[in-house]
Amino acid sequence: MLRLEGLEIRQDDFALSADWSLDDGAICAVMGPSGGGKSTLLSVIAGFLAPTRGRVVWDGRDLTGLPPAVRPISILFQDNNLFPHLTVERNLGLGLDPRLRLDANQKARIAEVLARVGLAGLGDRKPGALSGGQQSRAALARVLLMDRPLVLLDEPFAALGPGLRAEMLDLAREVLAGPGRTLLMVSHAPEDAARIADRIVLVGEGRAAPPGEAQALLADPPPALRAYLGL
């Protein structure tokens, strides 16, 4: 379970608070207006930014003072974070060994994961030789390979067209969701949240609200969500 306990984030004139928990196995969309603090909230959970006060707790373990690399978290950004000078295989290999001294078993694992996301046989290509959708699949494969229980998705498919974005959302749910793994996804699009999420955290007016049931919130939005959706 992810718990944000009395969390406060302050940066100059910006402030955001959160005090809630998210059950294991949930797929939660984080929605709200631009500048409201959605990506900032993920940065605090991931450890890239320290909160002003409060704690980030995972399964009873206080993560607040830990560096990002040792947290049980993987994160997928919009730009995919693929190194252009490395092959896809070596980009994925960084998730297993930063020195890239990959043995036969690790290479076999990489090949298996690439096949699972539809990139079989493309491990020797560099990111520039892949389409946008294939690059997103490669980045998703790296998250799958790292196999960490909490996955943060910061609009990784926002640059894709509607059809391809829907395809990648379906793939993310297929390969990442399930027992033992929790997903927290920043999204501006209610259709994306409706497609993949079972919970929604609404961020706005200085507060990240507790997760609510996605279908109920989208079917009968509270005032803050109605304003955000322009209803």
Protein backbone atom coordinates (compact mmCIF):
# COMPACT_ATOMS: atom_id res chain seq x y z
CA MET A 1 0.00 0.00 0.00
CA LEU A 2 1.16 3.52 -0.83
CA ARG A 3 0.55 6.05 1.93
CA LEU A 4 1.12 9.79 1.77
CA GLU A 5 1.04 10.85 5.40
CA GLY A 6 0.54 14.54 6.07
CA LEU A 7 2.49 15.37 2.94
CA GLU A 8 3.16 19.03 2.19
CA ILE A 9 5.12 20.39 -0.77
CA ARG A 10 6.09 24.06 -0.94
CA GLN A 11 8.10 25.84 -3.64
CA ASP A 12 7.97 29.65 -3.60
CA ASP A 13 4.26 30.46 -4.14
CA PHE A 14 3.33 26.84 -4.92
CA ALA A 15 1.86 24.57 -2.25
CA LEU A 16 0.34 21.09 -2.41
CA SER A 17 -0.86 18.77 0.33
CA ALA A 18 -1.85 15.10 0.29
CA ASP A 19 -2.95 12.70 3.03
CA TRP A 20 -4.28 9.39 1.70
CA SER A 21 -3.53 5.79 0.84
CA LEU A 22 -3.76 3.71 -2.33
CA ASP A 23 -4.33 -0.04 -2.24
CA ASP A 24 -1.93 -2.51 -3.80
CA GLY A 25 -2.85 -3.41 -7.37
CA ALA A 26 -4.75 -0.17 -8.06
CA ILE A 27 -4.48 1.74 -11.33
CA CYS A 28 -4.92 5.38 -10.39
CA ALA A 29 -5.12 8.37 -12.73
CA VAL A 30 -3.83 11.71 -11.42
CA MET A 31 -5.86 14.50 -13.01
CA GLY A 32 -6.11 18.26 -12.68
CA PRO A 33 -5.27 21.56 -14.36
CA SER A 34 -1.84 22.34 -15.74
CA GLY A 35 0.44 23.69 -13.02
CA GLY A 36 -1.68 22.12 -10.29
CA GLY A 37 1.10 19.81 -9.12
CA LYS A 38 0.47 16.42 -10.75
CA SER A 39 4.04 15.85 -11.92
CA THR A 40 5.37 17.43 -8.73
CA LEU A 41 3.44 14.89 -6.68
CA LEU A 42 5.00 12.03 -8.67
CA SER A 43 8.45 13.59 -8.26
CA VAL A 44 8.06 13.55 -4.48
CA ILE A 45 6.87 9.95 -4.48
CA ALA A 46 9.79 8.96 -6.73
CA GLY A 47 12.31 10.83 -4.57
CA PHE A 48 13.41 13.48 -7.06
CA LEU A 49 11.97 16.19 -4.83
CA ALA A 50 11.84 16.31 -1.02
CA PRO A 51 8.57 17.23 0.68
CA THR A 52 8.45 20.13 3.10
CA ARG A 53 6.88 17.83 5.65
CA GLY A 54 5.15 14.48 5.89
CA ARG A 55 6.11 11.01 4.72
CA VAL A 56 5.95 8.73 1.67
CA VAL A 57 5.37 5.18 2.91
CA TRP A 58 5.27 1.95 0.91
CA ASP A 59 4.04 -1.24 2.63
CA GLY A 60 4.97 0.22 6.01
CA ARG A 61 8.46 1.32 4.92
CA ASP A 62 9.27 5.03 5.12
CA LEU A 63 10.74 6.05 1.76
CA THR A 64 10.94 9.78 2.45
CA GLY A 65 14.68 10.03 2.98
CA LEU A 66 15.72 7.43 0.42
CA PRO A 67 17.29 8.32 -2.96
CA PRO A 68 15.29 7.41 -6.09
CA ALA A 69 17.50 4.49 -7.10
CA VAL A 70 16.75 2.45 -3.98
CA ARG A 71 13.00 3.06 -3.87
CA PRO A 72 10.73 0.22 -5.09
CA ILE A 73 9.59 2.49 -7.91
CA SER A 74 10.00 2.77 -11.66
CA ILE A 75 8.90 5.83 -13.60
CA LEU A 76 8.07 6.37 -17.25
CA PHE A 77 8.24 9.93 -18.59
CA GLN A 78 6.78 11.46 -21.75
CA ASP A 79 10.17 11.56 -23.49
CA ASN A 80 10.77 7.84 -22.75
CA ASN A 81 14.30 8.51 -21.41
CA LEU A 82 15.98 6.30 -24.01
CA PHE A 83 19.66 7.02 -24.67
CA PRO A 84 20.02 7.66 -28.42
CA HIS A 85 23.58 6.28 -28.65
CA LEU A 86 22.64 2.89 -27.13
CA THR A 87 20.75 0.04 -28.74
CA VAL A 88 17.34 -0.88 -27.38
CA GLU A 89 18.85 -3.95 -25.72
CA ARG A 90 21.47 -1.85 -23.92
CA ASN A 91 18.89 0.78 -22.95
CA LEU A 92 16.90 -1.96 -21.26
CA GLY A 93 20.06 -3.49 -19.84
CA LEU A 94 20.69 -0.35 -17.79
CA GLY A 95 17.71 -1.40 -15.67
CA LEU A 96 19.52 -4.63 -14.80
CA ASP A 97 23.15 -3.52 -14.54
CA PRO A 98 24.26 0.12 -14.87
CA ARG A 99 27.68 -1.15 -16.03
CA LEU A 100 25.97 -3.06 -18.85
CA ARG A 101 27.88 -6.25 -18.15
CA LEU A 102 24.98 -8.42 -19.21
CA ASP A 103 25.19 -12.19 -18.99
CA ALA A 104 23.30 -14.67 -21.18
CA ASN A 105 20.38 -14.96 -18.75
CA GLN A 106 19.92 -11.18 -18.61
CA LYS A 107 20.02 -10.92 -22.40
CA ALA A 108 17.42 -13.68 -22.60
CA ARG A 109 15.20 -11.76 -20.16
CA ILE A 110 15.52 -8.63 -22.30
CA ALA A 111 14.59 -10.56 -25.45
CA GLU A 112 11.57 -12.07 -23.67
CA VAL A 113 10.32 -8.68 -22.50
CA LEU A 114 10.81 -7.13 -25.96
CA ALA A 115 8.74 -9.92 -27.46
CA ARG A 116 6.01 -9.32 -24.89
CA VAL A 117 5.65 -5.67 -25.94
CA GLY A 118 5.78 -6.45 -29.66
CA LEU A 119 9.44 -5.60 -30.36
CA ALA A 120 10.86 -9.07 -30.97
CA GLY A 121 14.08 -8.91 -32.98
CA LEU A 122 14.52 -5.14 -32.58
CA GLY A 123 16.93 -5.15 -29.64
CA ASP A 124 19.93 -4.25 -31.82
CA ARG A 125 18.33 -1.06 -33.15
CA LYS A 126 18.91 2.39 -31.71
CA PRO A 127 15.91 4.51 -30.63
CA GLY A 128 16.26 6.79 -33.67
CA ALA A 129 15.52 3.84 -35.95
CA LEU A 130 12.20 3.18 -34.20
CA SER A 131 8.83 4.84 -34.69
CA GLY A 132 7.30 6.87 -31.86
CA GLY A 133 5.07 3.97 -30.91
CA GLN A 134 7.99 1.55 -30.91
CA GLN A 135 10.00 3.89 -28.69
CA SER A 136 7.09 3.95 -26.23
CA ARG A 137 7.02 0.15 -26.32
CA ALA A 138 10.76 0.02 -25.61
CA ALA A 139 10.39 2.36 -22.63
CA LEU A 140 7.47 0.26 -21.36
CA ALA A 141 9.62 -2.87 -21.75
CA ARG A 142 12.28 -1.34 -19.51
CA VAL A 143 9.71 -0.68 -16.78
CA LEU A 144 8.46 -4.24 -17.10
CA LEU A 145 12.01 -5.59 -16.93
CA MET A 146 12.78 -3.63 -13.73
CA ASP A 147 9.75 -5.34 -12.14
CA ARG A 148 9.19 -2.87 -9.30
CA PRO A 149 5.90 -2.83 -7.39
CA LEU A 150 5.07 0.86 -7.81
CA VAL A 151 5.03 2.31 -11.35
CA LEU A 152 4.66 6.05 -11.99
CA LEU A 153 3.54 7.08 -15.48
CA ASP A 154 3.96 10.78 -16.23
CA GLU A 155 1.95 11.15 -19.45
CA PRO A 156 4.31 8.80 -21.35
CA PHE A 157 2.00 8.47 -24.35
CA ALA A 158 0.77 12.09 -24.62
CA ALA A 159 2.74 12.76 -27.84
CA LEU A 160 1.10 9.84 -29.66
CA GLY A 161 -2.04 10.10 -31.78
CA PRO A 162 -5.36 9.02 -30.25
CA GLY A 163 -5.40 5.52 -31.75
CA LEU A 164 -1.81 4.71 -30.87
CA ARG A 165 -2.19 6.24 -27.42
CA ALA A 166 -5.20 3.99 -26.73
CA GLU A 167 -3.18 1.00 -27.96
CA MET A 168 -0.31 1.83 -25.60
CA LEU A 169 -2.65 2.34 -22.65
CA ASP A 170 -4.14 -1.09 -23.28
CA LEU A 171 -0.65 -2.58 -23.52
CA ALA A 172 0.47 -0.85 -20.30
CA ARG A 173 -2.53 -2.28 -18.48
CA GLU A 174 -1.95 -5.73 -19.98
CA VAL A 175 1.74 -6.03 -19.07
CA LEU A 176 1.97 -3.93 -15.89
CA ALA A 177 -1.33 -4.17 -14.04
CA GLY A 178 -2.21 -6.94 -11.63
CA PRO A 179 -1.47 -8.24 -8.13
CA GLY A 180 1.79 -7.00 -6.72
CA ARG A 181 2.04 -3.86 -8.84
CA THR A 182 0.39 -0.45 -8.38
CA LEU A 183 0.18 2.16 -11.17
CA LEU A 184 -0.11 5.92 -10.70
CA MET A 185 -0.63 7.75 -14.01
CA VAL A 186 -0.71 11.48 -14.71
CA SER A 187 -3.28 12.24 -17.39
CA HIS A 188 -5.01 15.29 -18.88
CA ALA A 189 -7.49 13.19 -20.85
CA PRO A 190 -10.63 11.82 -19.15
CA GLU A 191 -10.93 9.20 -21.89
CA ASP A 192 -7.50 7.85 -20.92
CA ALA A 193 -8.51 7.66 -17.27
CA ALA A 194 -11.76 5.94 -18.21
CA ARG A 195 -9.86 3.43 -20.35
CA ILE A 196 -7.26 2.30 -17.83
CA ALA A 197 -7.88 3.58 -14.30
CA ASP A 198 -10.01 2.26 -11.47
CA ARG A 199 -9.20 5.22 -9.19
CA ILE A 200 -8.70 8.96 -9.73
CA VAL A 201 -6.77 11.47 -7.64
CA LEU A 202 -7.88 15.02 -8.43
CA VAL A 203 -5.11 17.59 -7.98
CA GLY A 204 -5.99 21.26 -7.75
CA GLU A 205 -6.29 24.29 -5.49
CA GLY A 206 -3.32 23.15 -3.43
CA ARG A 207 -4.57 19.67 -2.65
CA ALA A 208 -4.26 16.15 -4.02
CA ALA A 209 -7.60 14.64 -3.02
CA PRO A 210 -7.88 11.04 -1.81
CA PRO A 211 -8.38 8.45 -4.59
CA GLY A 212 -11.99 8.06 -5.66
CA GLU A 213 -13.69 5.39 -7.76
CA ALA A 214 -13.01 6.34 -11.38
CA GLN A 215 -16.30 5.42 -13.05
CA ALA A 216 -18.35 7.15 -10.37
CA LEU A 217 -16.25 10.33 -10.50
CA LEU A 218 -16.40 10.53 -14.30
CA ALA A 219 -20.13 9.74 -14.42
CA ASP A 220 -21.02 12.36 -11.79
CA PRO A 221 -18.04 14.72 -11.40
CA PRO A 222 -17.71 16.83 -8.25
CA PRO A 223 -17.49 20.61 -8.84
CA ALA A 224 -13.67 20.71 -9.05
CA LEU A 225 -13.59 17.93 -11.64
CA ARG A 226 -16.48 19.46 -13.58
CA ALA A 227 -14.59 22.74 -13.78
CA TYR A 228 -11.44 20.97 -14.96
CA LEU A 229 -13.37 19.03 -17.63
CA GLY A 230 -15.21 22.18 -18.74
CA LEU A 231 -18.66 20.75 -18.00
